[in-house]
């Protein structure tokens, strides 16, 4: 018998895989990645990578991107905690609170600090677009069926709970922060 709680590591891995790789849990072709969504947004907004650059590095767990980033813009998925469990008829479900942090420096964006702040807001919009989408077999609200790892078939929902951004340093560096709730079920 296997005793597996589909918890924090599986939730972080599923969200990171969804954003970085666009993989499906069970589907045959990859979905759009976060950088693919940024490319589509650039086309829609009529801007280039000079003002809305692709994410250069995707990282799990390290919540201090601004202190350790070697390639920016950098996206970090970190686990913040979990909430109580629910007991539906087919097993238990758990809510995990994750953070998606996107760190960019003023030097990453052509133009003034205003352009860098605008890029930070556009990253937040792109994240929400990914998690709300339901097109071409892509299911943002379930992280594409939990991806290909331990969370496959276990993600019930994934929702943005809050978004904000912070400014630090001179010249200013920007960090967008999104709190994400991932509800996962345990096998019965």
Protein backbone atom coordinates (compact mmCIF):
# COMPACT_ATOMS: atom_id res chain seq x y z
CA UNK A 1 0.00 0.00 0.00
CA UNK A 2 1.23 3.47 -0.86
CA UNK A 3 0.72 6.28 1.62
CA UNK A 4 0.93 9.52 -0.32
CA UNK A 5 -0.36 12.91 0.70
CA UNK A 6 -0.32 15.16 -2.31
CA UNK A 7 1.13 18.17 -0.58
CA UNK A 8 3.40 21.14 -0.72
CA UNK A 9 6.13 19.73 -2.98
CA UNK A 10 3.63 18.39 -5.50
CA UNK A 11 1.74 21.71 -5.55
CA UNK A 12 4.92 23.75 -6.12
CA UNK A 13 6.13 21.36 -8.81
CA UNK A 14 2.76 21.42 -10.61
CA UNK A 15 2.57 25.22 -10.67
CA UNK A 16 6.20 25.62 -11.75
CA UNK A 17 5.80 23.00 -14.49
CA UNK A 18 2.60 24.69 -15.67
CA UNK A 19 4.25 28.12 -15.94
CA UNK A 20 7.66 27.03 -17.25
CA UNK A 21 6.91 24.02 -19.46
CA UNK A 22 3.19 24.14 -20.27
CA UNK A 23 2.92 20.37 -19.83
CA UNK A 24 -0.35 18.52 -19.48
CA UNK A 25 -1.19 15.73 -17.11
CA UNK A 26 -2.33 13.19 -19.67
CA UNK A 27 -2.52 15.31 -22.84
CA UNK A 28 -0.18 14.69 -25.73
CA UNK A 29 1.00 18.19 -26.60
CA UNK A 30 2.34 20.99 -24.42
CA UNK A 31 0.24 24.05 -23.73
CA UNK A 32 1.40 27.63 -23.81
CA UNK A 33 4.10 28.54 -21.30
CA UNK A 34 4.28 31.78 -19.34
CA UNK A 35 6.75 33.13 -21.92
CA UNK A 36 4.32 32.14 -24.72
CA UNK A 37 1.58 34.14 -22.99
CA UNK A 38 3.98 37.09 -22.67
CA UNK A 39 4.69 36.88 -26.42
CA UNK A 40 0.96 36.97 -27.18
CA UNK A 41 0.50 39.93 -24.84
CA UNK A 42 3.38 41.79 -26.53
CA UNK A 43 1.62 41.33 -29.88
CA UNK A 44 -1.70 42.53 -28.46
CA UNK A 45 -0.12 45.54 -26.73
CA UNK A 46 2.21 46.39 -29.63
CA UNK A 47 5.35 46.23 -27.46
CA UNK A 48 8.60 44.27 -27.71
CA UNK A 49 10.83 42.27 -25.39
CA UNK A 50 12.62 45.56 -24.66
CA UNK A 51 9.67 46.68 -22.51
CA UNK A 52 8.18 43.28 -21.58
CA UNK A 53 11.03 40.73 -21.50
CA UNK A 54 10.60 36.98 -21.24
CA UNK A 55 11.32 35.30 -17.92
CA UNK A 56 15.01 34.35 -17.97
CA UNK A 57 14.98 31.96 -15.02
CA UNK A 58 12.32 29.83 -13.30
CA UNK A 59 13.09 28.77 -9.71
CA UNK A 60 11.29 26.76 -7.02
CA UNK A 61 11.24 27.36 -3.27
CA UNK A 62 13.77 30.18 -2.84
CA UNK A 63 11.65 33.13 -1.63
CA UNK A 64 14.43 35.75 -1.73
CA UNK A 65 14.76 36.21 -5.48
CA UNK A 66 15.87 39.82 -5.15
CA UNK A 67 18.93 38.79 -3.13
CA UNK A 68 20.03 35.79 -5.22
CA UNK A 69 18.81 36.35 -8.78
CA UNK A 70 21.50 35.63 -11.35
CA UNK A 71 19.29 35.94 -14.43
CA UNK A 72 16.45 38.42 -14.48
CA UNK A 73 13.55 38.65 -14.89
CA UNK A 74 13.24 35.69 -12.54
CA UNK A 75 10.07 33.81 -11.56
CA UNK A 76 10.00 31.97 -8.22
CA UNK A 77 7.30 29.59 -7.00
CA UNK A 78 7.40 29.13 -3.24
CA UNK A 79 5.26 27.31 -0.69
CA UNK A 80 3.83 29.50 2.10
CA UNK A 81 1.69 27.03 4.00
CA UNK A 82 -1.48 25.01 3.96
CA UNK A 83 -4.94 25.30 5.41
CA UNK A 84 -7.28 22.74 6.91
CA UNK A 85 -8.58 19.73 5.10
CA UNK A 86 -12.00 18.96 3.75
CA UNK A 87 -13.60 15.54 3.62
CA UNK A 88 -15.48 15.10 0.35
CA UNK A 89 -16.96 11.66 -0.33
CA UNK A 90 -14.02 10.46 -2.45
CA UNK A 91 -11.10 11.47 -0.24
CA UNK A 92 -9.57 14.42 1.55
CA UNK A 93 -8.64 17.71 -0.05
CA UNK A 94 -6.07 20.22 1.15
CA UNK A 95 -5.51 23.88 0.35
CA UNK A 96 -1.93 24.97 -0.21
CA UNK A 97 -0.90 28.63 -0.31
CA UNK A 98 1.86 29.33 -2.82
CA UNK A 99 3.54 32.53 -3.88
CA UNK A 100 4.63 33.40 -7.38
CA UNK A 101 7.24 36.14 -7.27
CA UNK A 102 8.59 37.78 -10.40
CA UNK A 103 11.70 39.87 -9.86
CA UNK A 104 12.94 42.33 -12.46
CA UNK A 105 15.55 45.03 -12.33
CA UNK A 106 15.31 48.48 -13.83
CA UNK A 107 18.01 47.39 -16.31
CA UNK A 108 15.75 44.59 -17.66
CA UNK A 109 13.34 47.09 -19.21
CA UNK A 110 14.11 49.77 -21.76
CA UNK A 111 12.98 53.20 -20.63
CA UNK A 112 12.24 54.81 -17.32
CA UNK A 113 11.24 53.33 -14.00
CA UNK A 114 7.65 53.85 -15.10
CA UNK A 115 8.18 51.32 -17.91
CA UNK A 116 9.62 48.82 -15.42
CA UNK A 117 6.63 49.29 -13.11
CA UNK A 118 4.31 48.84 -16.10
CA UNK A 119 6.12 45.59 -16.99
CA UNK A 120 5.56 44.35 -13.42
CA UNK A 121 1.83 45.00 -13.78
CA UNK A 122 1.81 43.21 -17.15
CA UNK A 123 3.47 40.14 -15.59
CA UNK A 124 0.67 40.06 -13.01
CA UNK A 125 -1.93 40.27 -15.78
CA UNK A 126 -0.26 37.44 -17.72
CA UNK A 127 -0.29 35.20 -14.65
CA UNK A 128 -4.00 35.78 -14.13
CA UNK A 129 -4.65 35.10 -17.84
CA UNK A 130 -2.87 31.74 -17.56
CA UNK A 131 -4.80 30.63 -14.49
CA UNK A 132 -8.17 31.72 -15.91
CA UNK A 133 -7.82 30.18 -19.37
CA UNK A 134 -9.80 27.29 -20.80
CA UNK A 135 -8.68 26.90 -24.41
CA UNK A 136 -7.08 24.20 -26.62
CA UNK A 137 -7.09 21.56 -23.88
CA UNK A 138 -5.49 23.97 -21.43
CA UNK A 139 -6.99 24.17 -17.99
CA UNK A 140 -5.35 26.90 -15.94
CA UNK A 141 -7.73 26.41 -13.05
CA UNK A 142 -6.42 22.84 -12.60
CA UNK A 143 -2.81 23.49 -13.72
CA UNK A 144 -3.47 21.29 -16.76
CA UNK A 145 -4.61 18.34 -14.61
CA UNK A 146 -1.68 18.74 -12.21
CA UNK A 147 1.08 18.31 -14.77
CA UNK A 148 3.16 15.16 -15.04
CA UNK A 149 4.47 14.76 -11.47
CA UNK A 150 2.96 13.66 -8.17
CA UNK A 151 0.08 16.14 -8.52
CA UNK A 152 -1.20 14.62 -11.78
CA UNK A 153 -4.97 14.26 -11.54
CA UNK A 154 -5.01 15.72 -8.00
CA UNK A 155 -5.40 19.49 -8.55
CA UNK A 156 -9.02 20.44 -7.93
CA UNK A 157 -8.53 24.18 -8.39
CA UNK A 158 -5.88 26.87 -8.61
CA UNK A 159 -6.86 30.47 -7.96
CA UNK A 160 -5.15 33.83 -7.61
CA UNK A 161 -6.03 35.12 -4.14
CA UNK A 162 -4.15 38.42 -4.24
CA UNK A 163 -1.57 40.28 -6.31
CA UNK A 164 0.74 43.17 -5.47
CA UNK A 165 4.16 44.52 -6.27
CA UNK A 166 7.02 45.93 -4.28
CA UNK A 167 9.81 48.34 -5.17
CA UNK A 168 13.29 48.21 -3.60
CA UNK A 169 16.74 49.68 -4.13
CA UNK A 170 18.31 52.33 -6.30
CA UNK A 171 17.89 52.10 -9.22
CA UNK A 172 14.55 50.55 -8.40
CA UNK A 173 14.00 46.83 -8.65
CA UNK A 174 10.47 45.50 -8.88
CA UNK A 175 8.89 42.32 -7.57
CA UNK A 176 5.37 41.22 -8.42
CA UNK A 177 3.88 38.90 -5.84
CA UNK A 178 0.85 36.71 -6.34
CA UNK A 179 -0.68 34.54 -3.64
CA UNK A 180 -2.07 31.38 -5.21
CA UNK A 181 -4.37 28.83 -3.58
CA UNK A 182 -4.02 25.29 -4.92
CA UNK A 183 -6.59 22.76 -3.71
CA UNK A 184 -5.46 19.16 -4.10
CA UNK A 185 -7.16 15.87 -3.34
CA UNK A 186 -5.63 12.83 -1.76
CA UNK A 187 -6.36 9.41 -3.22
CA UNK A 188 -9.14 7.66 -1.28
